[in-house]
N, C-alpha and C. Protein backbone atom coordinates (compact mmCIF):
# COMPACT_ATOMS: atom_id res chain seq x y z
N MET A 1 50.47 164.07 130.57
CA MET A 1 49.62 163.31 129.75
C MET A 1 50.53 161.89 129.75
N ASN A 2 49.62 160.92 130.01
CA ASN A 2 49.78 159.61 130.19
C ASN A 2 50.77 159.03 129.12
N ASN A 3 51.70 157.68 129.43
CA ASN A 3 52.44 157.05 128.38
C ASN A 3 51.56 156.51 127.08
N VAL A 4 50.43 156.03 127.05
CA VAL A 4 49.64 155.53 126.25
C VAL A 4 49.51 156.94 125.03
N GLU A 5 48.89 158.15 125.28
CA GLU A 5 48.96 159.46 124.86
C GLU A 5 49.82 159.65 124.15
N TYR A 6 51.31 159.88 124.67
CA TYR A 6 52.59 160.31 124.14
C TYR A 6 52.82 159.30 123.28
N ASN A 7 52.98 157.73 123.43
CA ASN A 7 53.16 157.01 122.45
C ASN A 7 52.28 156.94 120.97
N THR A 8 50.67 157.25 121.30
CA THR A 8 50.29 157.49 120.29
C THR A 8 49.98 158.27 119.68
N LYS A 9 50.60 159.89 120.03
CA LYS A 9 50.90 161.19 119.26
C LYS A 9 52.45 160.65 118.14
N ASN A 10 53.34 160.03 119.15
CA ASN A 10 54.76 159.56 118.32
C ASN A 10 54.22 158.47 116.96
N LEU A 11 53.18 157.73 117.63
CA LEU A 11 52.92 156.14 116.35
C LEU A 11 52.21 157.05 115.07
N ILE A 12 51.64 158.38 115.50
CA ILE A 12 50.78 159.29 114.52
C ILE A 12 52.09 159.99 113.66
N ARG A 13 52.72 160.64 114.61
CA ARG A 13 54.18 161.44 113.68
C ARG A 13 54.92 160.38 112.67
N ALA A 14 54.77 159.13 112.98
CA ALA A 14 55.42 158.09 112.67
C ALA A 14 54.52 157.98 111.11
N ILE A 15 53.73 157.63 111.51
CA ILE A 15 52.90 157.33 110.17
C ILE A 15 52.82 158.67 109.05
N ARG A 16 52.62 159.87 109.58
CA ARG A 16 52.44 160.86 109.03
C ARG A 16 53.88 161.64 108.51
N THR A 17 54.86 160.77 108.68
CA THR A 17 56.30 161.23 108.23
C THR A 17 56.48 160.09 107.36
N SER A 18 56.01 158.69 106.95
CA SER A 18 56.26 157.98 106.36
C SER A 18 56.05 157.99 105.14
N ASN A 19 56.90 157.37 103.82
CA ASN A 19 57.02 157.41 102.86
C ASN A 19 55.32 156.76 102.24
N GLU A 20 55.11 156.10 102.92
CA GLU A 20 53.44 155.46 102.47
C GLU A 20 52.64 156.82 102.56
N TYR A 21 52.31 157.50 103.66
CA TYR A 21 51.43 158.40 103.77
C TYR A 21 51.39 159.66 103.04
N ASN A 22 53.29 160.10 102.73
CA ASN A 22 53.52 161.33 102.10
C ASN A 22 53.09 160.96 100.55
N HIS A 23 53.46 159.64 100.01
CA HIS A 23 53.47 159.00 98.57
C HIS A 23 52.01 159.37 98.53
N TYR A 24 50.89 158.95 99.15
CA TYR A 24 49.60 158.71 99.01
C TYR A 24 49.02 160.64 98.64
N HIS A 25 49.50 161.20 99.72
CA HIS A 25 48.79 162.62 99.78
C HIS A 25 49.25 163.55 98.36
N ARG A 26 50.80 163.45 98.22
CA ARG A 26 51.61 163.69 96.96
C ARG A 26 50.66 163.70 95.67
N VAL A 27 50.21 162.11 95.29
CA VAL A 27 49.58 162.01 94.29
C VAL A 27 48.08 162.60 94.30
N LEU A 28 47.78 162.36 95.56
CA LEU A 28 45.86 162.91 95.89
C LEU A 28 46.12 164.15 95.09
N GLU A 29 46.95 164.88 95.70
CA GLU A 29 47.33 166.78 95.28
C GLU A 29 47.12 166.72 93.77
N LYS A 30 48.00 166.06 93.13
CA LYS A 30 48.27 166.05 91.86
C LYS A 30 46.77 165.69 91.10
N ILE A 31 46.34 164.67 91.61
CA ILE A 31 44.80 164.22 90.86
C ILE A 31 43.48 165.30 91.14
N LYS A 32 43.78 165.77 92.33
CA LYS A 32 42.72 167.10 92.77
C LYS A 32 42.95 168.09 91.60
N GLN A 33 43.83 168.21 91.11
CA GLN A 33 44.35 169.48 90.16
C GLN A 33 43.11 169.25 88.75
N ASP A 34 43.01 168.05 88.46
CA ASP A 34 41.84 167.51 87.63
C ASP A 34 40.77 166.90 88.28
N GLU A 35 39.48 168.33 88.41
CA GLU A 35 38.10 167.77 89.28
C GLU A 35 37.45 167.06 88.44
N GLU A 36 37.64 166.88 87.15
CA GLU A 36 36.59 165.48 86.72
C GLU A 36 37.29 164.20 86.80
N LEU A 37 38.47 163.96 86.99
CA LEU A 37 39.37 163.13 87.46
C LEU A 37 39.05 162.71 88.76
N TYR A 38 38.90 163.64 89.70
CA TYR A 38 38.99 163.49 90.93
C TYR A 38 37.73 163.00 91.38
N VAL A 39 36.79 163.29 90.68
CA VAL A 39 35.19 163.09 91.39
C VAL A 39 35.33 161.68 90.19
N GLY A 40 35.69 161.51 88.90
CA GLY A 40 35.38 160.12 88.87
C GLY A 40 36.02 159.13 89.64
N MET A 41 37.24 158.93 90.18
CA MET A 41 37.97 158.34 90.81
C MET A 41 37.21 158.18 92.09
N ASN A 42 37.07 158.94 92.51
CA ASN A 42 35.90 158.93 94.24
C ASN A 42 34.64 158.05 93.57
N GLU A 43 34.48 158.41 92.59
CA GLU A 43 32.92 157.30 92.19
C GLU A 43 33.16 156.44 92.04
N TYR A 44 34.37 155.71 91.77
CA TYR A 44 34.80 154.22 91.71
C TYR A 44 35.30 153.96 93.12
N ARG A 45 36.06 154.47 93.74
CA ARG A 45 36.30 154.01 95.24
C ARG A 45 35.01 153.97 95.93
N LYS A 46 34.14 154.70 95.74
CA LYS A 46 32.77 154.60 96.86
C LYS A 46 32.19 153.37 96.04
N ARG A 47 32.11 153.03 95.01
CA ARG A 47 31.02 152.25 94.50
C ARG A 47 31.78 150.59 94.79
N CYS A 48 33.06 150.75 94.51
CA CYS A 48 34.47 149.44 94.79
C CYS A 48 33.74 149.18 96.31
N PHE A 49 34.16 149.93 97.30
CA PHE A 49 33.95 149.81 98.61
C PHE A 49 32.32 149.26 99.07
N MET A 50 31.39 149.82 98.38
CA MET A 50 30.34 149.44 98.74
C MET A 50 30.07 147.71 98.22
N LEU A 51 30.62 147.62 96.76
CA LEU A 51 30.71 146.26 96.29
C LEU A 51 31.30 145.41 97.48
N GLN A 52 32.25 145.62 98.29
CA GLN A 52 33.25 144.65 99.18
C GLN A 52 32.30 144.76 100.28
N MET A 53 31.43 145.46 100.70
CA MET A 53 30.93 145.67 102.30
C MET A 53 29.33 144.92 102.25
N ALA A 54 29.04 144.75 100.73
CA ALA A 54 27.87 143.71 100.65
C ALA A 54 28.24 142.32 100.54
N ASP A 55 26.89 141.68 100.87
CA ASP A 55 27.19 140.08 100.86
C ASP A 55 26.40 139.65 99.74
N ASN A 56 27.33 139.30 98.87
CA ASN A 56 27.10 139.23 97.30
C ASN A 56 27.70 137.94 96.52
N ASP A 57 26.71 137.51 96.17
CA ASP A 57 27.36 136.11 95.44
C ASP A 57 27.75 136.38 94.03
N SER A 58 27.76 137.24 93.29
CA SER A 58 28.41 137.88 92.43
C SER A 58 29.41 139.07 92.31
N TYR A 59 30.00 139.11 93.46
CA TYR A 59 30.98 140.22 93.59
C TYR A 59 32.39 139.99 92.67
N LEU A 60 32.94 138.94 92.18
CA LEU A 60 33.48 139.03 91.31
C LEU A 60 33.40 139.69 90.07
N ASP A 61 31.69 139.12 89.46
CA ASP A 61 31.50 139.73 88.34
C ASP A 61 31.02 141.31 88.63
N ASP A 62 30.64 142.17 89.54
CA ASP A 62 30.39 143.11 89.72
C ASP A 62 31.39 144.04 89.79
N ILE A 63 32.66 143.37 90.20
CA ILE A 63 33.91 144.23 90.32
C ILE A 63 34.48 143.93 88.94
N ALA A 64 34.53 143.24 88.32
CA ALA A 64 34.62 142.99 86.70
C ALA A 64 34.45 144.17 86.41
N ASN A 65 32.82 144.13 86.44
CA ASN A 65 32.02 145.65 85.55
C ASN A 65 31.99 146.60 85.46
N LEU A 66 32.21 146.75 87.42
CA LEU A 66 32.81 148.20 87.59
C LEU A 66 33.95 148.86 87.12
N ARG A 67 35.22 147.77 87.02
CA ARG A 67 36.35 148.35 86.11
C ARG A 67 36.12 148.24 84.96
N GLN A 68 35.59 148.01 83.98
CA GLN A 68 34.79 147.89 82.88
C GLN A 68 34.44 149.26 82.63
N GLU A 69 33.34 149.40 83.65
CA GLU A 69 32.64 150.99 83.56
C GLU A 69 33.97 152.17 83.59
N PHE A 70 34.66 151.97 84.67
CA PHE A 70 35.28 152.85 85.06
C PHE A 70 37.05 152.95 84.43
N GLY A 71 37.16 152.13 83.31
CA GLY A 71 38.03 151.73 82.54
C GLY A 71 38.68 153.42 82.24
N TYR A 72 38.40 154.47 82.20
CA TYR A 72 38.63 155.42 81.41
C TYR A 72 39.44 156.02 82.39
N ILE A 73 39.23 155.76 83.99
CA ILE A 73 39.39 156.28 84.86
C ILE A 73 40.81 155.71 85.11
N LEU A 74 40.35 154.68 85.54
CA LEU A 74 41.66 153.37 85.74
C LEU A 74 42.85 153.49 85.11
N ASP A 75 42.50 153.93 83.44
CA ASP A 75 43.61 153.55 82.63
C ASP A 75 44.55 154.90 83.06
N ASN A 76 44.59 155.95 83.60
CA ASN A 76 45.38 156.69 84.18
C ASN A 76 46.29 156.83 84.92
N ASN A 77 47.43 156.95 84.69
CA ASN A 77 48.78 156.40 85.32
C ASN A 77 48.67 157.20 86.70
N LEU A 78 48.01 158.36 87.33
CA LEU A 78 47.62 159.02 88.04
C LEU A 78 47.00 158.31 89.24
N VAL A 79 45.87 157.92 88.47
CA VAL A 79 44.79 157.21 89.49
C VAL A 79 45.43 156.06 89.94
N SER A 80 46.07 155.02 89.05
CA SER A 80 46.88 153.75 89.32
C SER A 80 47.69 154.12 90.27
N GLU A 81 48.61 154.86 90.37
CA GLU A 81 49.55 155.10 91.32
C GLU A 81 49.10 155.29 92.89
N PHE A 82 47.64 156.22 92.49
CA PHE A 82 47.31 156.68 93.66
C PHE A 82 46.38 155.30 94.28
N LEU A 83 45.78 154.67 93.60
CA LEU A 83 45.22 153.54 94.13
C LEU A 83 46.10 152.44 94.64
N ILE A 84 47.48 152.18 94.04
CA ILE A 84 48.33 151.54 94.74
C ILE A 84 48.94 152.16 96.05
N ALA A 85 49.24 153.47 96.21
CA ALA A 85 49.88 154.22 97.58
C ALA A 85 48.60 154.01 98.04
N GLU A 86 47.32 153.80 98.37
CA GLU A 86 46.21 153.57 99.07
C GLU A 86 46.03 152.53 99.64
N GLN A 87 46.42 151.72 98.97
CA GLN A 87 46.10 150.29 99.65
C GLN A 87 47.80 149.85 99.96
N ARG A 88 48.90 150.89 99.83
CA ARG A 88 49.96 150.62 100.62
C ARG A 88 49.81 151.14 101.87
N LEU A 89 49.04 152.22 102.04
CA LEU A 89 48.84 152.51 103.47
C LEU A 89 47.53 152.10 104.06
N ASN A 90 46.85 151.86 103.75
CA ASN A 90 45.83 150.64 104.52
C ASN A 90 46.45 149.63 105.00
N LYS A 91 47.31 149.17 104.11
CA LYS A 91 48.14 148.06 104.73
C LYS A 91 48.90 147.91 105.62
N MET A 92 49.24 149.17 105.85
CA MET A 92 50.08 149.68 107.05
C MET A 92 49.34 149.95 108.36
N THR A 93 48.47 150.70 108.31
CA THR A 93 47.65 151.36 109.15
C THR A 93 46.77 149.29 109.77
N ARG A 94 46.51 149.16 108.78
CA ARG A 94 46.04 147.27 109.13
C ARG A 94 46.74 146.70 109.95
N GLN A 95 48.21 146.85 109.72
CA GLN A 95 49.32 145.99 110.35
C GLN A 95 49.29 146.48 111.51
N VAL A 96 49.35 147.92 111.93
CA VAL A 96 49.51 148.47 113.13
C VAL A 96 48.06 148.10 114.04
N ASN A 97 47.12 147.99 113.36
CA ASN A 97 46.11 147.58 114.16
C ASN A 97 46.12 146.20 114.51
N ALA A 98 46.35 145.34 113.68
CA ALA A 98 46.98 144.03 114.10
C ALA A 98 47.71 143.57 115.07
N SER A 99 48.62 144.29 114.73
CA SER A 99 49.78 144.17 115.96
C SER A 99 49.04 144.63 117.35
N ILE A 100 48.56 145.76 117.43
CA ILE A 100 48.12 146.38 118.73
C ILE A 100 47.24 144.81 119.34
N LEU A 101 45.86 144.85 118.70
CA LEU A 101 45.16 143.80 118.90
C LEU A 101 45.53 142.37 119.56
N ASP A 102 46.77 142.06 118.64
CA ASP A 102 47.33 140.54 118.66
C ASP A 102 48.22 140.83 120.26
N CYS A 103 48.56 141.72 120.72
CA CYS A 103 49.47 142.11 122.25
C CYS A 103 48.50 142.48 123.16
N ILE A 104 47.60 142.90 122.76
CA ILE A 104 46.81 143.32 124.25
C ILE A 104 45.61 142.46 124.60
N ASN A 105 45.72 140.92 124.13
CA ASN A 105 44.59 140.27 124.52
C ASN A 105 43.26 140.83 124.82
N LEU A 106 42.98 141.57 123.97
CA LEU A 106 41.32 141.98 124.27
C LEU A 106 40.31 140.80 123.51
N ASP A 107 39.46 140.21 123.60
CA ASP A 107 38.32 139.19 123.52
C ASP A 107 37.85 139.69 122.54
N ILE A 108 37.73 139.11 121.32
CA ILE A 108 37.24 139.75 120.16
C ILE A 108 36.54 138.56 119.53
N ASP A 109 36.70 137.29 119.82
CA ASP A 109 36.22 136.29 119.35
C ASP A 109 34.64 136.24 119.03
N PHE A 110 33.87 137.18 119.65
CA PHE A 110 32.37 137.27 118.83
C PHE A 110 32.29 137.89 117.51
N LEU A 111 33.37 138.24 117.28
CA LEU A 111 33.43 138.74 115.44
C LEU A 111 33.63 138.01 114.91
């Protein structure tokens, strides 16, 4: 096993033992116990993601409408806790990716 593979496995282990990762999964398991809540939350997440990917001038209005439509889901404390945990985990992985890209001098100016 080369050095990069070894350290990649160590990084994965560090992520999987982090508070952010474990909190995310603990709350997710609680939500999965209520199938209707889990399905509704995932529908919200899917539609929110699709809005974020679309090139749309009415993005803020669309997000506000989506939040209103799914208010019954978003008012649930477990869902709110999960969405915050998801944001924290995503932020951590984005920071890891950004750190790697910043340090390896990969030419991605075309993006």
